Amino acid sequence: MNIVVFGANGPTGRLVVRLALERGHAVTAVTRSPQAFPMSDPRLRVERGDVFAPETIRPLLQGRDAVLSALGVPYGREPITTYSVGARSMLDAMAQHGVRRLVCVSSSAVDADAGPHGGFFFERVLQPFVTNVLGKTLYDDMKRMESIVAGSDVDWTVMRPSGLFDADAVSDYRMAERYVPQKFTSRIDLADAMLRQLDDRRFVRTTVAVGTVSGAPSVAQLMMREAFKRPPRPTASGAAGGVSDGAAAVGQVSE
């Protein structure tokens, strides 16, 4: 299959590209900084594109079969529009070239009732702080993105991982419509789940929760790991709402 990956230079996007190439797909990796992309392959095209400049991405979808979006930004106090603007730009380009399949990443945090549960600290302290304070502007825009995608006529699937963490290989994970009990999702499991949607029609036009079963960190471990990471560099505009090619953050954040 000939696919386009947005947010290709982020931590999840790179895994999507790598796994797609390993499985024989032809891949167009879209990033604002193609010179920084770390992979090369005869079936890989690395193209400059920015969802805030839709004219830069429209030509990239010609002759493609599907779009996978791992777009992401870090938490920020300023309004974030990357997800909603990205959805509109991608859907516009898809309509122009007749591309029907879209798989994009949101987060379990956009729906507290459908998100994972467990324990006083998680449900009463951490989750409300992450969703209503630390990540409010980000999750508000994810909700807008989900609404835009759901209102389209394409064959869409929205992936909702929980707290993202790094792992070396695809592991045992769960996928289900709207809810899984796992609190964490490895990025490589998320990438694998996204690619599985290309051949699996069970979750067309629905949201899918994704959770890693084993090897996930504890809440405290994840918070410590993310707290000591180098903060992401500011975008050209200096605002967190500009397109980042994926950034990790504490809690249930997507990329």
C-alpha atoms as a PDB file:
ATOM      1  CA  MET A   1       0.000   0.000   0.000  1.00  0.00           C
ATOM      2  CA  ASN A   2       1.163   3.545  -0.702  1.00  0.00           C
ATOM      3  CA  ILE A   3       0.716   5.609   2.456  1.00  0.00           C
ATOM      4  CA  VAL A   4       1.402   9.129   3.720  1.00  0.00           C
ATOM      5  CA  VAL A   5       2.553   9.676   7.315  1.00  0.00           C
ATOM      6  CA  PHE A   6       2.151  13.097   8.937  1.00  0.00           C
ATOM      7  CA  GLY A   7       4.179  13.899  12.042  1.00  0.00           C
ATOM      8  CA  ALA A   8       6.680  11.429  10.606  1.00  0.00           C
ATOM      9  CA  ASN A   9       9.672  12.849  12.456  1.00  0.00           C
ATOM     10  CA  GLY A  10       8.145  12.513  15.924  1.00  0.00           C
ATOM     11  CA  PRO A  11       8.740   9.548  18.228  1.00  0.00           C
ATOM     12  CA  THR A  12       5.548   7.751  17.185  1.00  0.00           C
ATOM     13  CA  GLY A  13       5.714   8.861  13.558  1.00  0.00           C
ATOM     14  CA  ARG A  14       9.198   7.432  13.086  1.00  0.00           C
ATOM     15  CA  LEU A  15       7.983   4.084  14.383  1.00  0.00           C
ATOM     16  CA  VAL A  16       5.013   4.152  12.007  1.00  0.00           C
ATOM     17  CA  VAL A  17       7.374   4.787   9.095  1.00  0.00           C
ATOM     18  CA  ARG A  18       9.825   2.098  10.194  1.00  0.00           C
ATOM     19  CA  LEU A  19       7.193  -0.589  10.689  1.00  0.00           C
ATOM     20  CA  ALA A  20       5.421   0.345   7.451  1.00  0.00           C
ATOM     21  CA  LEU A  21       8.631  -0.079   5.466  1.00  0.00           C
ATOM     22  CA  GLU A  22       9.367  -3.397   7.189  1.00  0.00           C
ATOM     23  CA  ARG A  23       5.920  -4.607   6.087  1.00  0.00           C
ATOM     24  CA  GLY A  24       6.419  -3.673   2.465  1.00  0.00           C
ATOM     25  CA  HIS A  25       4.475  -0.418   2.228  1.00  0.00           C
ATOM     26  CA  ALA A  26       5.636   2.533   0.169  1.00  0.00           C
ATOM     27  CA  VAL A  27       5.806   5.549   2.490  1.00  0.00           C
ATOM     28  CA  THR A  28       5.748   9.309   2.037  1.00  0.00           C
ATOM     29  CA  ALA A  29       6.994  10.803   5.311  1.00  0.00           C
ATOM     30  CA  VAL A  30       5.833  14.393   5.762  1.00  0.00           C
ATOM     31  CA  THR A  31       7.825  16.651   8.067  1.00  0.00           C
ATOM     32  CA  ARG A  32       8.759  20.310   8.324  1.00  0.00           C
ATOM     33  CA  SER A  33      12.441  19.318   8.469  1.00  0.00           C
ATOM     34  CA  PRO A  34      13.108  16.557   5.927  1.00  0.00           C
ATOM     35  CA  GLN A  35      16.861  16.994   6.245  1.00  0.00           C
ATOM     36  CA  ALA A  36      16.612  15.822   9.860  1.00  0.00           C
ATOM     37  CA  PHE A  37      14.744  12.613   9.058  1.00  0.00           C
ATOM     38  CA  PRO A  38      16.886   9.667  10.186  1.00  0.00           C
ATOM     39  CA  MET A  39      15.794   6.945   7.746  1.00  0.00           C
ATOM     40  CA  SER A  40      16.347   6.086   4.113  1.00  0.00           C
ATOM     41  CA  ASP A  41      14.865   3.315   1.995  1.00  0.00           C
ATOM     42  CA  PRO A  42      14.077   2.775  -1.698  1.00  0.00           C
ATOM     43  CA  ARG A  43      10.353   2.807  -0.834  1.00  0.00           C
ATOM     44  CA  LEU A  44      10.584   5.960   1.307  1.00  0.00           C
ATOM     45  CA  ARG A  45      10.033   9.544   0.169  1.00  0.00           C
ATOM     46  CA  VAL A  46      10.691  12.267   2.735  1.00  0.00           C
ATOM     47  CA  GLU A  47       8.824  15.449   1.850  1.00  0.00           C
ATOM     48  CA  ARG A  48       8.580  18.895   3.378  1.00  0.00           C
ATOM     49  CA  GLY A  49       5.045  19.776   4.409  1.00  0.00           C
ATOM     50  CA  ASP A  50       3.169  21.806   7.005  1.00  0.00           C
ATOM     51  CA  VAL A  51      -0.518  21.388   7.809  1.00  0.00           C
ATOM     52  CA  PHE A  52      -0.665  25.125   8.527  1.00  0.00           C
ATOM     53  CA  ALA A  53       0.234  25.655   4.861  1.00  0.00           C
ATOM     54  CA  PRO A  54      -2.186  23.249   3.150  1.00  0.00           C
ATOM     55  CA  GLU A  55      -0.822  24.034  -0.296  1.00  0.00           C
ATOM     56  CA  THR A  56       2.394  22.263   0.754  1.00  0.00           C
ATOM     57  CA  ILE A  57       0.671  18.962   1.487  1.00  0.00           C
ATOM     58  CA  ARG A  58      -1.968  18.698  -1.254  1.00  0.00           C
ATOM     59  CA  PRO A  59       0.429  17.438  -3.951  1.00  0.00           C
ATOM     60  CA  LEU A  60       1.827  14.802  -1.595  1.00  0.00           C
ATOM     61  CA  LEU A  61      -1.423  12.820  -1.524  1.00  0.00           C
ATOM     62  CA  GLN A  62      -1.707  12.255  -5.254  1.00  0.00           C
ATOM     63  CA  GLY A  63      -1.811   8.529  -5.983  1.00  0.00           C
ATOM     64  CA  ARG A  64      -1.767   7.532  -2.309  1.00  0.00           C
ATOM     65  CA  ASP A  65      -3.994   4.927  -0.662  1.00  0.00           C
ATOM     66  CA  ALA A  66      -4.145   6.084   2.955  1.00  0.00           C
ATOM     67  CA  VAL A  67      -3.131   8.807   5.403  1.00  0.00           C
ATOM     68  CA  LEU A  68      -1.765   8.116   8.889  1.00  0.00           C
ATOM     69  CA  SER A  69      -1.339  11.077  11.219  1.00  0.00           C
ATOM     70  CA  ALA A  70       0.929  11.067  14.270  1.00  0.00           C
ATOM     71  CA  LEU A  71       0.944  14.857  14.510  1.00  0.00           C
ATOM     72  CA  GLY A  72       1.636  16.157  17.978  1.00  0.00           C
ATOM     73  CA  VAL A  73       2.565  19.153  20.074  1.00  0.00           C
ATOM     74  CA  PRO A  74       3.661  19.595  23.696  1.00  0.00           C
ATOM     75  CA  TYR A  75       1.381  20.942  26.373  1.00  0.00           C
ATOM     76  CA  GLY A  76       1.118  24.714  26.453  1.00  0.00           C
ATOM     77  CA  ARG A  77      -0.920  27.531  27.955  1.00  0.00           C
ATOM     78  CA  GLU A  78      -1.610  29.222  24.640  1.00  0.00           C
ATOM     79  CA  PRO A  79      -4.462  27.950  22.450  1.00  0.00           C
ATOM     80  CA  ILE A  80      -3.468  24.915  20.387  1.00  0.00           C
ATOM     81  CA  THR A  81      -4.898  24.357  16.903  1.00  0.00           C
ATOM     82  CA  THR A  82      -2.496  21.829  15.395  1.00  0.00           C
ATOM     83  CA  TYR A  83      -4.889  18.899  15.598  1.00  0.00           C
ATOM     84  CA  SER A  84      -7.974  20.674  14.249  1.00  0.00           C
ATOM     85  CA  VAL A  85      -6.112  22.586  11.541  1.00  0.00           C
ATOM     86  CA  GLY A  86      -4.234  19.425  10.633  1.00  0.00           C
ATOM     87  CA  ALA A  87      -7.475  17.472  10.287  1.00  0.00           C
ATOM     88  CA  ARG A  88      -8.982  20.078   7.973  1.00  0.00           C
ATOM     89  CA  SER A  89      -5.834  20.290   5.856  1.00  0.00           C
ATOM     90  CA  MET A  90      -5.503  16.526   5.511  1.00  0.00           C
ATOM     91  CA  LEU A  91      -9.191  16.015   4.725  1.00  0.00           C
ATOM     92  CA  ASP A  92      -9.058  18.769   2.109  1.00  0.00           C
ATOM     93  CA  ALA A  93      -6.056  17.136   0.427  1.00  0.00           C
ATOM     94  CA  MET A  94      -7.676  13.706   0.643  1.00  0.00           C
ATOM     95  CA  ALA A  95     -10.829  14.988  -1.029  1.00  0.00           C
ATOM     96  CA  GLN A  96      -8.810  16.568  -3.819  1.00  0.00           C
ATOM     97  CA  HIS A  97      -7.086  13.283  -4.651  1.00  0.00           C
ATOM     98  CA  GLY A  98      -9.803  10.781  -3.744  1.00  0.00           C
ATOM     99  CA  VAL A  99      -7.975   9.232  -0.776  1.00  0.00           C
ATOM    100  CA  ARG A 100     -10.471   7.457   1.464  1.00  0.00           C
ATOM    101  CA  ARG A 101      -8.585   5.977   4.455  1.00  0.00           C
ATOM    102  CA  LEU A 102      -7.507   8.111   7.428  1.00  0.00           C
ATOM    103  CA  VAL A 103      -5.999   6.919  10.717  1.00  0.00           C
ATOM    104  CA  CYS A 104      -5.130   9.608  13.263  1.00  0.00           C
ATOM    105  CA  VAL A 105      -4.024   9.781  16.885  1.00  0.00           C
ATOM    106  CA  SER A 106      -5.973  11.391  19.708  1.00  0.00           C
ATOM    107  CA  SER A 107      -5.885  10.393  23.399  1.00  0.00           C
ATOM    108  CA  SER A 108      -7.925   8.542  25.989  1.00  0.00           C
ATOM    109  CA  ALA A 109      -7.848  11.794  27.970  1.00  0.00           C
ATOM    110  CA  VAL A 110     -10.412  13.443  25.695  1.00  0.00           C
ATOM    111  CA  ASP A 111     -13.142  11.242  27.177  1.00  0.00           C
ATOM    112  CA  ALA A 112     -12.811  10.801  30.937  1.00  0.00           C
ATOM    113  CA  ASP A 113     -15.683   8.298  31.046  1.00  0.00           C
ATOM    114  CA  ALA A 114     -13.985   6.082  28.465  1.00  0.00           C
ATOM    115  CA  GLY A 115     -10.441   6.484  29.782  1.00  0.00           C
ATOM    116  CA  PRO A 116      -8.686   3.987  32.048  1.00  0.00           C
ATOM    117  CA  HIS A 117      -9.553   3.920  35.734  1.00  0.00           C
ATOM    118  CA  GLY A 118      -7.729   2.884  38.852  1.00  0.00           C
ATOM    119  CA  GLY A 119      -7.050   4.276  42.264  1.00  0.00           C
ATOM    120  CA  PHE A 120      -7.688   7.500  44.104  1.00  0.00           C
ATOM    121  CA  PHE A 121      -4.464   9.231  43.036  1.00  0.00           C
ATOM    122  CA  PHE A 122      -4.921   8.433  39.353  1.00  0.00           C
ATOM    123  CA  GLU A 123      -8.630   9.271  39.116  1.00  0.00           C
ATOM    124  CA  ARG A 124      -8.895  12.175  41.571  1.00  0.00           C
ATOM    125  CA  VAL A 125      -5.484  13.844  41.320  1.00  0.00           C
ATOM    126  CA  LEU A 126      -3.344  12.962  38.305  1.00  0.00           C
ATOM    127  CA  GLN A 127      -5.945  12.566  35.581  1.00  0.00           C
ATOM    128  CA  PRO A 128      -7.919  15.749  36.427  1.00  0.00           C
ATOM    129  CA  PHE A 129      -4.688  17.761  36.664  1.00  0.00           C
ATOM    130  CA  VAL A 130      -3.398  16.478  33.325  1.00  0.00           C
ATOM    131  CA  THR A 131      -6.662  16.867  31.414  1.00  0.00           C
ATOM    132  CA  ASN A 132      -8.076  20.034  32.986  1.00  0.00           C
ATOM    133  CA  VAL A 133      -4.928  22.029  33.778  1.00  0.00           C
ATOM    134  CA  LEU A 134      -1.655  20.849  32.273  1.00  0.00           C
ATOM    135  CA  GLY A 135      -3.072  19.629  28.973  1.00  0.00           C
ATOM    136  CA  LYS A 136      -6.379  21.492  28.718  1.00  0.00           C
ATOM    137  CA  THR A 137      -5.593  23.452  25.546  1.00  0.00           C
ATOM    138  CA  LEU A 138      -4.171  20.352  23.871  1.00  0.00           C
ATOM    139  CA  TYR A 139      -7.100  18.081  24.690  1.00  0.00           C
ATOM    140  CA  ASP A 140      -9.613  20.763  23.736  1.00  0.00           C
ATOM    141  CA  ASP A 141      -8.076  20.794  20.265  1.00  0.00           C
ATOM    142  CA  MET A 142      -8.018  17.007  20.087  1.00  0.00           C
ATOM    143  CA  LYS A 143     -11.766  17.093  20.723  1.00  0.00           C
ATOM    144  CA  ARG A 144     -12.158  19.559  17.863  1.00  0.00           C
ATOM    145  CA  MET A 145     -10.094  17.273  15.646  1.00  0.00           C
ATOM    146  CA  GLU A 146     -12.230  14.264  16.514  1.00  0.00           C
ATOM    147  CA  SER A 147     -15.384  16.217  15.703  1.00  0.00           C
ATOM    148  CA  ILE A 148     -14.006  17.358  12.336  1.00  0.00           C
ATOM    149  CA  VAL A 149     -12.883  13.855  11.401  1.00  0.00           C
ATOM    150  CA  ALA A 150     -16.149  12.247  12.525  1.00  0.00           C
ATOM    151  CA  GLY A 151     -18.088  14.755  10.417  1.00  0.00           C
ATOM    152  CA  SER A 152     -16.219  13.827   7.256  1.00  0.00           C
ATOM    153  CA  ASP A 153     -17.229  11.201   4.718  1.00  0.00           C
ATOM    154  CA  VAL A 154     -13.895   9.337   4.646  1.00  0.00           C
ATOM    155  CA  ASP A 155     -13.163   5.937   6.173  1.00  0.00           C
ATOM    156  CA  TRP A 156     -11.601   7.234   9.376  1.00  0.00           C
ATOM    157  CA  THR A 157     -10.318   5.631  12.558  1.00  0.00           C
ATOM    158  CA  VAL A 158      -9.263   7.666  15.594  1.00  0.00           C
ATOM    159  CA  MET A 159      -6.735   5.959  17.860  1.00  0.00           C
ATOM    160  CA  ARG A 160      -6.891   6.797  21.576  1.00  0.00           C
ATOM    161  CA  PRO A 161      -3.760   5.690  23.428  1.00  0.00           C
ATOM    162  CA  SER A 162      -3.237   6.363  27.110  1.00  0.00           C
ATOM    163  CA  GLY A 163       0.043   7.473  28.711  1.00  0.00           C
ATOM    164  CA  LEU A 164       2.720   7.000  26.062  1.00  0.00           C
ATOM    165  CA  PHE A 165       6.066   5.390  26.814  1.00  0.00           C
ATOM    166  CA  ASP A 166       8.961   3.935  24.837  1.00  0.00           C
ATOM    167  CA  ALA A 167       9.540   0.215  24.295  1.00  0.00           C
ATOM    168  CA  ASP A 168      11.862  -1.761  22.059  1.00  0.00           C
ATOM    169  CA  ALA A 169       9.379  -4.046  20.312  1.00  0.00           C
ATOM    170  CA  VAL A 170       5.695  -4.598  19.643  1.00  0.00           C
ATOM    171  CA  SER A 171       4.164  -6.377  22.623  1.00  0.00           C
ATOM    172  CA  ASP A 172       0.849  -7.714  23.821  1.00  0.00           C
ATOM    173  CA  TYR A 173      -1.666  -4.885  23.668  1.00  0.00           C
ATOM    174  CA  ARG A 174      -5.417  -4.444  23.611  1.00  0.00           C
ATOM    175  CA  MET A 175      -7.644  -2.606  21.162  1.00  0.00           C
ATOM    176  CA  ALA A 176     -11.351  -2.025  21.633  1.00  0.00           C
ATOM    177  CA  GLU A 177     -13.952   0.497  20.652  1.00  0.00           C
ATOM    178  CA  ARG A 178     -13.745   3.445  23.055  1.00  0.00           C
ATOM    179  CA  TYR A 179     -12.366   1.713  26.197  1.00  0.00           C
ATOM    180  CA  VAL A 180      -9.546  -0.537  27.406  1.00  0.00           C
ATOM    181  CA  PRO A 181      -8.480  -0.721  31.075  1.00  0.00           C
ATOM    182  CA  GLN A 182      -4.747  -0.241  30.485  1.00  0.00           C
ATOM    183  CA  LYS A 183      -3.349   3.122  31.661  1.00  0.00           C
ATOM    184  CA  PHE A 184      -0.342   3.163  29.305  1.00  0.00           C
ATOM    185  CA  THR A 185       0.440   2.551  25.650  1.00  0.00           C
ATOM    186  CA  SER A 186       3.884   1.994  24.198  1.00  0.00           C
ATOM    187  CA  ARG A 187       4.602   4.084  21.143  1.00  0.00           C
ATOM    188  CA  ILE A 188       5.586   1.049  19.110  1.00  0.00           C
ATOM    189  CA  ASP A 189       2.324  -0.707  20.024  1.00  0.00           C
ATOM    190  CA  LEU A 190       0.444   2.415  18.931  1.00  0.00           C
ATOM    191  CA  ALA A 191       2.353   2.470  15.631  1.00  0.00           C
ATOM    192  CA  ASP A 192       1.570  -1.205  15.065  1.00  0.00           C
ATOM    193  CA  ALA A 193      -2.110  -0.642  15.860  1.00  0.00           C
ATOM    194  CA  MET A 194      -2.280   2.261  13.400  1.00  0.00           C
ATOM    195  CA  LEU A 195      -0.831   0.153  10.596  1.00  0.00           C
ATOM    196  CA  ARG A 196      -3.188  -2.723  11.348  1.00  0.00           C
ATOM    197  CA  GLN A 197      -6.090  -0.430  10.512  1.00  0.00           C
ATOM    198  CA  LEU A 198      -5.022  -0.423   6.869  1.00  0.00           C
ATOM    199  CA  ASP A 199      -6.234  -4.018   6.496  1.00  0.00           C
ATOM    200  CA  ASP A 200      -8.724  -4.275   9.350  1.00  0.00           C
ATOM    201  CA  ARG A 201     -12.179  -2.792   8.682  1.00  0.00           C
ATOM    202  CA  ARG A 202     -13.627  -3.474  12.142  1.00  0.00           C
ATOM    203  CA  PHE A 203     -12.953   0.024  13.420  1.00  0.00           C
ATOM    204  CA  VAL A 204     -13.817   2.128  10.386  1.00  0.00           C
ATOM    205  CA  ARG A 205     -15.607   5.329  11.438  1.00  0.00           C
ATOM    206  CA  THR A 206     -15.053   4.807  15.152  1.00  0.00           C
ATOM    207  CA  THR A 207     -12.621   5.594  17.969  1.00  0.00           C
ATOM    208  CA  VAL A 208     -10.320   2.851  19.185  1.00  0.00           C
ATOM    209  CA  ALA A 209      -8.684   2.671  22.608  1.00  0.00           C
ATOM    210  CA  VAL A 210      -5.197   1.135  22.641  1.00  0.00           C
ATOM    211  CA  GLY A 211      -3.452  -0.103  25.783  1.00  0.00           C
ATOM    212  CA  THR A 212      -0.255  -2.046  26.418  1.00  0.00           C
ATOM    213  CA  VAL A 213      -0.743  -5.060  28.672  1.00  0.00           C
ATOM    214  CA  SER A 214       2.738  -5.713  30.055  1.00  0.00           C
ATOM    215  CA  GLY A 215       5.989  -3.826  30.517  1.00  0.00           C
ATOM    216  CA  ALA A 216       4.320  -0.465  31.114  1.00  0.00           C
ATOM    217  CA  PRO A 217       5.835   1.896  33.697  1.00  0.00           C
ATOM    218  CA  SER A 218       4.061   2.947  36.840  1.00  0.00           C
ATOM    219  CA  VAL A 219       2.526   6.412  37.004  1.00  0.00           C
ATOM    220  CA  ALA A 220       5.404   7.578  39.216  1.00  0.00           C
ATOM    221  CA  GLN A 221       8.037   6.134  36.855  1.00  0.00           C
ATOM    222  CA  LEU A 222       6.500   7.813  33.831  1.00  0.00           C
ATOM    223  CA  MET A 223       6.253  11.167  35.593  1.00  0.00           C
ATOM    224  CA  MET A 224       9.889  11.002  36.721  1.00  0.00           C
ATOM    225  CA  ARG A 225      11.085   9.941  33.275  1.00  0.00           C
ATOM    226  CA  GLU A 226       9.243  12.747  31.516  1.00  0.00           C
ATOM    227  CA  ALA A 227      10.106  15.351  34.158  1.00  0.00           C
ATOM    228  CA  PHE A 228      13.823  14.930  33.489  1.00  0.00           C
ATOM    229  CA  LYS A 229      13.588  15.041  29.710  1.00  0.00           C
ATOM    230  CA  ARG A 230      14.936  18.082  27.934  1.00  0.00           C
ATOM    231  CA  PRO A 231      12.045  20.470  27.202  1.00  0.00           C
ATOM    232  CA  PRO A 232      11.077  20.719  23.523  1.00  0.00           C
ATOM    233  CA  ARG A 233      12.530  23.559  21.525  1.00  0.00           C
ATOM    234  CA  PRO A 234      10.078  26.372  20.797  1.00  0.00           C
ATOM    235  CA  THR A 235       8.583  26.569  17.338  1.00  0.00           C
ATOM    236  CA  ALA A 236       9.396  29.378  14.954  1.00  0.00           C
ATOM    237  CA  SER A 237       6.471  31.317  16.343  1.00  0.00           C
ATOM    238  CA  GLY A 238       7.601  30.613  19.907  1.00  0.00           C
ATOM    239  CA  ALA A 239       4.223  29.092  20.746  1.00  0.00           C
ATOM    240  CA  ALA A 240       3.375  25.550  21.691  1.00  0.00           C
ATOM    241  CA  GLY A 241       0.492  25.667  19.236  1.00  0.00           C
ATOM    242  CA  GLY A 242       2.857  25.530  16.283  1.00  0.00           C
ATOM    243  CA  VAL A 243       3.444  22.159  14.700  1.00  0.00           C
ATOM    244  CA  SER A 244       5.883  20.012  16.586  1.00  0.00           C
ATOM    245  CA  ASP A 245       6.873  16.731  15.021  1.00  0.00           C
ATOM    246  CA  GLY A 246       5.859  14.963  18.200  1.00  0.00           C
ATOM    247  CA  ALA A 247       6.728  15.648  21.829  1.00  0.00           C
ATOM    248  CA  ALA A 248       6.450  13.523  24.918  1.00  0.00           C
ATOM    249  CA  ALA A 249       4.666  14.820  27.972  1.00  0.00           C
ATOM    250  CA  VAL A 250       3.517  13.616  31.350  1.00  0.00           C
ATOM    251  CA  GLY A 251       0.271  11.697  31.433  1.00  0.00           C
ATOM    252  CA  GLN A 252      -2.123  10.826  28.654  1.00  0.00           C
ATOM    253  CA  VAL A 253      -0.741  12.815  25.803  1.00  0.00           C
ATOM    254  CA  SER A 254      -0.686  11.922  22.167  1.00  0.00           C
ATOM    255  CA  GLU A 255       1.830  12.974  19.563  1.00  0.00           C
END
